[in-house]
Amino acid sequence: AIVTAGTGQPLTVFAGGLPGFTGGPSGTGFTDN
């Protein structure tokens, strides 16, 4: 028998692209992060 268990990986939530905001809501230019 093999038993494996573990907690999940940390997640980071991103705003993503928004309509009408080419630079993103923060205006940094790179919208992905």
All heavy atoms as atom14 arrays in JSON, in Angstrom:
{
  "sequence": "AIVTAGTGQPLTVFAGGLPGFTGGPSGTGFTDN",
  "atom14_mask": [
    [1, 1, 1, 1, 1, 0, 0, 0, 0, 0, 0, 0, 0, 0],
    [1, 1, 1, 1, 1, 1, 1, 1, 0, 0, 0, 0, 0, 0],
    [1, 1, 1, 1, 1, 1, 1, 0, 0, 0, 0, 0, 0, 0],
    [1, 1, 1, 1, 1, 1, 1, 0, 0, 0, 0, 0, 0, 0],
    [1, 1, 1, 1, 1, 0, 0, 0, 0, 0, 0, 0, 0, 0],
    [1, 1, 1, 1, 0, 0, 0, 0, 0, 0, 0, 0, 0, 0],
    [1, 1, 1, 1, 1, 1, 1, 0, 0, 0, 0, 0, 0, 0],
    [1, 1, 1, 1, 0, 0, 0, 0, 0, 0, 0, 0, 0, 0],
    [1, 1, 1, 1, 1, 1, 1, 1, 1, 0, 0, 0, 0, 0],
    [1, 1, 1, 1, 1, 1, 1, 0, 0, 0, 0, 0, 0, 0],
    [1, 1, 1, 1, 1, 1, 1, 1, 0, 0, 0, 0, 0, 0],
    [1, 1, 1, 1, 1, 1, 1, 0, 0, 0, 0, 0, 0, 0],
    [1, 1, 1, 1, 1, 1, 1, 0, 0, 0, 0, 0, 0, 0],
    [1, 1, 1, 1, 1, 1, 1, 1, 1, 1, 1, 0, 0, 0],
    [1, 1, 1, 1, 1, 0, 0, 0, 0, 0, 0, 0, 0, 0],
    [1, 1, 1, 1, 0, 0, 0, 0, 0, 0, 0, 0, 0, 0],
    [1, 1, 1, 1, 0, 0, 0, 0, 0, 0, 0, 0, 0, 0],
    [1, 1, 1, 1, 1, 1, 1, 1, 0, 0, 0, 0, 0, 0],
    [1, 1, 1, 1, 1, 1, 1, 0, 0, 0, 0, 0, 0, 0],
    [1, 1, 1, 1, 0, 0, 0, 0, 0, 0, 0, 0, 0, 0],
    [1, 1, 1, 1, 1, 1, 1, 1, 1, 1, 1, 0, 0, 0],
    [1, 1, 1, 1, 1, 1, 1, 0, 0, 0, 0, 0, 0, 0],
    [1, 1, 1, 1, 0, 0, 0, 0, 0, 0, 0, 0, 0, 0],
    [1, 1, 1, 1, 0, 0, 0, 0, 0, 0, 0, 0, 0, 0],
    [1, 1, 1, 1, 1, 1, 1, 0, 0, 0, 0, 0, 0, 0],
    [1, 1, 1, 1, 1, 1, 0, 0, 0, 0, 0, 0, 0, 0],
    [1, 1, 1, 1, 0, 0, 0, 0, 0, 0, 0, 0, 0, 0],
    [1, 1, 1, 1, 1, 1, 1, 0, 0, 0, 0, 0, 0, 0],
    [1, 1, 1, 1, 0, 0, 0, 0, 0, 0, 0, 0, 0, 0],
    [1, 1, 1, 1, 1, 1, 1, 1, 1, 1, 1, 0, 0, 0],
    [1, 1, 1, 1, 1, 1, 1, 0, 0, 0, 0, 0, 0, 0],
    [1, 1, 1, 1, 1, 1, 1, 1, 0, 0, 0, 0, 0, 0],
    [1, 1, 1, 1, 1, 1, 1, 1, 0, 0, 0, 0, 0, 0]
  ],
  "atom14_positions": [
    [[0.85, -1.2, 0.0], [0.0, 0.0, 0.0], [0.88, 1.23, 0.0], [1.95, 1.26, 0.6], [-0.92, 0.01, 1.22], [0.0, 0.0, 0.0], [0.0, 0.0, 0.0], [0.0, 0.0, 0.0], [0.0, 0.0, 0.0], [0.0, 0.0, 0.0], [0.0, 0.0, 0.0], [0.0, 0.0, 0.0], [0.0, 0.0, 0.0], [0.0, 0.0, 0.0]],
    [[0.41, 2.26, -0.7], [1.09, 3.57, -0.74], [0.05, 4.63, -0.41], [-1.02, 4.68, -1.02], [1.71, 3.85, -2.11], [2.77, 2.79, -2.45], [2.33, 5.24, -2.15], [3.36, 2.95, -3.84], [0.0, 0.0, 0.0], [0.0, 0.0, 0.0], [0.0, 0.0, 0.0], [0.0, 0.0, 0.0], [0.0, 0.0, 0.0], [0.0, 0.0, 0.0]],
    [[0.36, 5.48, 0.56], [-0.51, 6.58, 0.95], [0.26, 7.89, 0.73], [1.37, 8.05, 1.24], [-0.96, 6.48, 2.42], [-1.83, 7.67, 2.79], [-1.72, 5.18, 2.65], [0.0, 0.0, 0.0], [0.0, 0.0, 0.0], [0.0, 0.0, 0.0], [0.0, 0.0, 0.0], [0.0, 0.0, 0.0], [0.0, 0.0, 0.0], [0.0, 0.0, 0.0]],
    [[-0.32, 8.8, -0.04], [0.29, 10.11, -0.27], [-0.71, 11.19, 0.08], [-1.91, 11.07, -0.23], [0.74, 10.27, -1.74], [-0.39, 10.08, -2.61], [1.8, 9.24, -2.1], [0.0, 0.0, 0.0], [0.0, 0.0, 0.0], [0.0, 0.0, 0.0], [0.0, 0.0, 0.0], [0.0, 0.0, 0.0], [0.0, 0.0, 0.0], [0.0, 0.0, 0.0]],
    [[-0.24, 12.25, 0.7], [-1.1, 13.35, 1.08], [-0.27, 14.62, 1.12], [0.94, 14.6, 1.38], [-1.75, 13.1, 2.45], [0.0, 0.0, 0.0], [0.0, 0.0, 0.0], [0.0, 0.0, 0.0], [0.0, 0.0, 0.0], [0.0, 0.0, 0.0], [0.0, 0.0, 0.0], [0.0, 0.0, 0.0], [0.0, 0.0, 0.0], [0.0, 0.0, 0.0]],
    [[-0.92, 15.73, 0.86], [-0.2, 17.0, 0.89], [-1.15, 18.17, 0.78], [-2.26, 18.05, 0.26], [0.0, 0.0, 0.0], [0.0, 0.0, 0.0], [0.0, 0.0, 0.0], [0.0, 0.0, 0.0], [0.0, 0.0, 0.0], [0.0, 0.0, 0.0], [0.0, 0.0, 0.0], [0.0, 0.0, 0.0], [0.0, 0.0, 0.0], [0.0, 0.0, 0.0]],
    [[-0.71, 19.3, 1.29], [-1.48, 20.54, 1.11], [-1.26, 21.07, -0.3], [-0.32, 20.7, -0.99], [-1.05, 21.58, 2.15], [0.39, 21.7, 2.12], [-1.47, 21.19, 3.54], [0.0, 0.0, 0.0], [0.0, 0.0, 0.0], [0.0, 0.0, 0.0], [0.0, 0.0, 0.0], [0.0, 0.0, 0.0], [0.0, 0.0, 0.0], [0.0, 0.0, 0.0]],
    [[-2.13, 21.95, -0.72], [-2.08, 22.47, -2.07], [-0.97, 23.5, -2.27], [-0.35, 23.99, -1.31], [0.0, 0.0, 0.0], [0.0, 0.0, 0.0], [0.0, 0.0, 0.0], [0.0, 0.0, 0.0], [0.0, 0.0, 0.0], [0.0, 0.0, 0.0], [0.0, 0.0, 0.0], [0.0, 0.0, 0.0], [0.0, 0.0, 0.0], [0.0, 0.0, 0.0]],
    [[-0.75, 23.83, -3.52], [0.24, 24.85, -3.86], [-0.34, 26.24, -3.62], [-1.54, 26.46, -3.8], [0.64, 24.72, -5.33], [1.35, 23.42, -5.67], [1.63, 23.31, -7.16], [1.04, 22.47, -7.84], [2.5, 24.15, -7.68], [0.0, 0.0, 0.0], [0.0, 0.0, 0.0], [0.0, 0.0, 0.0], [0.0, 0.0, 0.0], [0.0, 0.0, 0.0]],
    [[0.5, 27.2, -3.23], [0.03, 28.58, -3.09], [-0.47, 29.14, -4.42], [0.1, 28.86, -5.48], [1.27, 29.33, -2.6], [2.11, 28.27, -1.94], [1.88, 27.03, -2.76], [0.0, 0.0, 0.0], [0.0, 0.0, 0.0], [0.0, 0.0, 0.0], [0.0, 0.0, 0.0], [0.0, 0.0, 0.0], [0.0, 0.0, 0.0], [0.0, 0.0, 0.0]],
    [[-1.52, 29.94, -4.35], [-2.12, 30.55, -5.54], [-2.01, 32.07, -5.46], [-2.15, 32.65, -4.38], [-3.6, 30.18, -5.64], [-3.97, 28.71, -5.76], [-5.48, 28.55, -5.74], [-3.4, 28.12, -7.04], [0.0, 0.0, 0.0], [0.0, 0.0, 0.0], [0.0, 0.0, 0.0], [0.0, 0.0, 0.0], [0.0, 0.0, 0.0], [0.0, 0.0, 0.0]],
    [[-1.78, 32.68, -6.59], [-1.78, 34.14, -6.69], [-2.91, 34.53, -7.63], [-3.02, 34.0, -8.74], [-0.43, 34.66, -7.23], [0.62, 34.19, -6.38], [-0.42, 36.18, -7.26], [0.0, 0.0, 0.0], [0.0, 0.0, 0.0], [0.0, 0.0, 0.0], [0.0, 0.0, 0.0], [0.0, 0.0, 0.0], [0.0, 0.0, 0.0], [0.0, 0.0, 0.0]],
    [[-3.74, 35.45, -7.2], [-4.9, 35.88, -7.99], [-4.51, 37.12, -8.79], [-3.9, 38.06, -8.25], [-6.1, 36.17, -7.08], [-7.26, 36.74, -7.89], [-6.52, 34.89, -6.37], [0.0, 0.0, 0.0], [0.0, 0.0, 0.0], [0.0, 0.0, 0.0], [0.0, 0.0, 0.0], [0.0, 0.0, 0.0], [0.0, 0.0, 0.0], [0.0, 0.0, 0.0]],
    [[-4.9, 37.14, -10.06], [-4.58, 38.25, -10.95], [-5.85, 38.89, -11.47], [-6.89, 38.24, -11.6], [-3.72, 37.77, -12.12], [-2.41, 37.16, -11.7], [-2.25, 35.79, -11.65], [-1.34, 37.96, -11.34], [-1.05, 35.22, -11.25], [-0.14, 37.4, -10.94], [0.0, 36.04, -10.89], [0.0, 0.0, 0.0], [0.0, 0.0, 0.0], [0.0, 0.0, 0.0]],
    [[-5.75, 40.19, -11.77], [-6.91, 40.93, -12.28], [-7.22, 40.54, -13.72], [-8.39, 40.44, -14.11], [-6.66, 42.43, -12.18], [0.0, 0.0, 0.0], [0.0, 0.0, 0.0], [0.0, 0.0, 0.0], [0.0, 0.0, 0.0], [0.0, 0.0, 0.0], [0.0, 0.0, 0.0], [0.0, 0.0, 0.0], [0.0, 0.0, 0.0], [0.0, 0.0, 0.0]],
    [[-6.19, 40.34, -14.53], [-6.4, 39.98, -15.93], [-6.74, 41.19, -16.78], [-6.82, 42.34, -16.32], [0.0, 0.0, 0.0], [0.0, 0.0, 0.0], [0.0, 0.0, 0.0], [0.0, 0.0, 0.0], [0.0, 0.0, 0.0], [0.0, 0.0, 0.0], [0.0, 0.0, 0.0], [0.0, 0.0, 0.0], [0.0, 0.0, 0.0], [0.0, 0.0, 0.0]],
    [[-6.97, 40.93, -18.06], [-7.32, 42.0, -18.98], [-8.73, 42.53, -18.75], [-9.65, 41.74, -18.52], [0.0, 0.0, 0.0], [0.0, 0.0, 0.0], [0.0, 0.0, 0.0], [0.0, 0.0, 0.0], [0.0, 0.0, 0.0], [0.0, 0.0, 0.0], [0.0, 0.0, 0.0], [0.0, 0.0, 0.0], [0.0, 0.0, 0.0], [0.0, 0.0, 0.0]],
    [[-8.89, 43.83, -18.78], [-10.2, 44.46, -18.6], [-10.55, 45.26, -19.85], [-9.68, 45.93, -20.42], [-10.18, 45.39, -17.38], [-9.73, 44.78, -16.05], [-9.78, 45.82, -14.95], [-10.58, 43.58, -15.7], [0.0, 0.0, 0.0], [0.0, 0.0, 0.0], [0.0, 0.0, 0.0], [0.0, 0.0, 0.0], [0.0, 0.0, 0.0], [0.0, 0.0, 0.0]],
    [[-11.79, 45.2, -20.3], [-12.17, 45.95, -21.5], [-12.0, 47.45, -21.31], [-12.45, 48.03, -20.32], [-13.65, 45.57, -21.69], [-14.11, 45.1, -20.35], [-12.92, 44.47, -19.7], [0.0, 0.0, 0.0], [0.0, 0.0, 0.0], [0.0, 0.0, 0.0], [0.0, 0.0, 0.0], [0.0, 0.0, 0.0], [0.0, 0.0, 0.0], [0.0, 0.0, 0.0]],
    [[-11.29, 48.07, -22.26], [-11.09, 49.52, -22.2], [-9.85, 49.95, -21.45], [-9.55, 51.15, -21.38], [0.0, 0.0, 0.0], [0.0, 0.0, 0.0], [0.0, 0.0, 0.0], [0.0, 0.0, 0.0], [0.0, 0.0, 0.0], [0.0, 0.0, 0.0], [0.0, 0.0, 0.0], [0.0, 0.0, 0.0], [0.0, 0.0, 0.0], [0.0, 0.0, 0.0]],
    [[-9.1, 48.99, -20.9], [-7.89, 49.32, -20.14], [-6.7, 48.62, -20.77], [-6.35, 47.5, -20.39], [-8.04, 48.89, -18.67], [-9.09, 49.63, -17.92], [-10.41, 49.19, -17.94], [-8.79, 50.77, -17.19], [-11.4, 49.86, -17.25], [-9.77, 51.45, -16.49], [-11.08, 51.01, -16.52], [0.0, 0.0, 0.0], [0.0, 0.0, 0.0], [0.0, 0.0, 0.0]],
    [[-6.07, 49.27, -21.74], [-4.94, 48.63, -22.43], [-3.74, 48.49, -21.52], [-2.91, 47.61, -21.74], [-4.56, 49.46, -23.67], [-4.28, 50.81, -23.26], [-5.7, 49.47, -24.68], [0.0, 0.0, 0.0], [0.0, 0.0, 0.0], [0.0, 0.0, 0.0], [0.0, 0.0, 0.0], [0.0, 0.0, 0.0], [0.0, 0.0, 0.0], [0.0, 0.0, 0.0]],
    [[-3.63, 49.34, -20.51], [-2.51, 49.25, -19.58], [-2.87, 48.56, -18.29], [-2.07, 48.51, -17.36], [0.0, 0.0, 0.0], [0.0, 0.0, 0.0], [0.0, 0.0, 0.0], [0.0, 0.0, 0.0], [0.0, 0.0, 0.0], [0.0, 0.0, 0.0], [0.0, 0.0, 0.0], [0.0, 0.0, 0.0], [0.0, 0.0, 0.0], [0.0, 0.0, 0.0]],
    [[-4.1, 48.02, -18.21], [-4.55, 47.37, -16.99], [-5.04, 48.38, -15.97], [-4.79, 49.59, -16.09], [0.0, 0.0, 0.0], [0.0, 0.0, 0.0], [0.0, 0.0, 0.0], [0.0, 0.0, 0.0], [0.0, 0.0, 0.0], [0.0, 0.0, 0.0], [0.0, 0.0, 0.0], [0.0, 0.0, 0.0], [0.0, 0.0, 0.0], [0.0, 0.0, 0.0]],
    [[-5.73, 47.95, -14.93], [-6.26, 48.88, -13.92], [-5.17, 49.61, -13.15], [-5.39, 50.73, -12.69], [-7.09, 47.98, -13.0], [-6.51, 46.61, -13.19], [-6.07, 46.55, -14.61], [0.0, 0.0, 0.0], [0.0, 0.0, 0.0], [0.0, 0.0, 0.0], [0.0, 0.0, 0.0], [0.0, 0.0, 0.0], [0.0, 0.0, 0.0], [0.0, 0.0, 0.0]],
    [[-3.99, 48.99, -13.03], [-2.89, 49.67, -12.32], [-2.08, 50.56, -13.25], [-1.28, 51.38, -12.78], [-1.96, 48.63, -11.67], [-2.65, 47.88, -10.69], [0.0, 0.0, 0.0], [0.0, 0.0, 0.0], [0.0, 0.0, 0.0], [0.0, 0.0, 0.0], [0.0, 0.0, 0.0], [0.0, 0.0, 0.0], [0.0, 0.0, 0.0], [0.0, 0.0, 0.0]],
    [[-2.27, 50.4, -14.56], [-1.61, 51.27, -15.52], [-0.14, 51.01, -15.71], [0.59, 51.87, -16.2], [0.0, 0.0, 0.0], [0.0, 0.0, 0.0], [0.0, 0.0, 0.0], [0.0, 0.0, 0.0], [0.0, 0.0, 0.0], [0.0, 0.0, 0.0], [0.0, 0.0, 0.0], [0.0, 0.0, 0.0], [0.0, 0.0, 0.0], [0.0, 0.0, 0.0]],
    [[0.33, 49.81, -15.35], [1.76, 49.52, -15.49], [2.13, 49.09, -16.9], [3.31, 49.03, -17.23], [2.17, 48.41, -14.5], [1.41, 47.23, -14.79], [1.92, 48.84, -13.07], [0.0, 0.0, 0.0], [0.0, 0.0, 0.0], [0.0, 0.0, 0.0], [0.0, 0.0, 0.0], [0.0, 0.0, 0.0], [0.0, 0.0, 0.0], [0.0, 0.0, 0.0]],
    [[1.14, 48.76, -17.71], [1.41, 48.38, -19.09], [1.36, 46.89, -19.33], [0.87, 46.46, -20.37], [0.0, 0.0, 0.0], [0.0, 0.0, 0.0], [0.0, 0.0, 0.0], [0.0, 0.0, 0.0], [0.0, 0.0, 0.0], [0.0, 0.0, 0.0], [0.0, 0.0, 0.0], [0.0, 0.0, 0.0], [0.0, 0.0, 0.0], [0.0, 0.0, 0.0]],
    [[1.87, 46.1, -18.4], [1.81, 44.64, -18.54], [0.62, 44.15, -17.72], [0.66, 44.18, -16.48], [3.12, 44.01, -18.05], [3.17, 42.51, -18.22], [2.98, 41.93, -19.46], [3.41, 41.68, -17.14], [3.02, 40.55, -19.62], [3.46, 40.3, -17.28], [3.26, 39.74, -18.54], [0.0, 0.0, 0.0], [0.0, 0.0, 0.0], [0.0, 0.0, 0.0]],
    [[-0.43, 43.73, -18.39], [-1.67, 43.43, -17.69], [-1.69, 42.06, -17.0], [-2.48, 41.85, -16.08], [-2.85, 43.48, -18.67], [-2.65, 42.51, -19.7], [-2.96, 44.87, -19.31], [0.0, 0.0, 0.0], [0.0, 0.0, 0.0], [0.0, 0.0, 0.0], [0.0, 0.0, 0.0], [0.0, 0.0, 0.0], [0.0, 0.0, 0.0], [0.0, 0.0, 0.0]],
    [[-0.82, 41.13, -17.41], [-0.9, 39.77, -16.89], [-0.67, 39.67, -15.39], [-1.26, 38.84, -14.71], [0.1, 38.87, -17.62], [-0.3, 38.6, -19.06], [-1.35, 39.12, -19.48], [0.42, 37.87, -19.76], [0.0, 0.0, 0.0], [0.0, 0.0, 0.0], [0.0, 0.0, 0.0], [0.0, 0.0, 0.0], [0.0, 0.0, 0.0], [0.0, 0.0, 0.0]],
    [[0.25, 40.49, -14.85], [0.64, 40.31, -13.45], [-0.06, 41.28, -12.49], [0.24, 41.27, -11.29], [2.16, 40.45, -13.31], [2.63, 41.88, -13.55], [1.95, 42.66, -14.22], [3.8, 42.21, -13.04], [0.0, 0.0, 0.0], [0.0, 0.0, 0.0], [0.0, 0.0, 0.0], [0.0, 0.0, 0.0], [0.0, 0.0, 0.0], [0.0, 0.0, 0.0]]
  ]
}
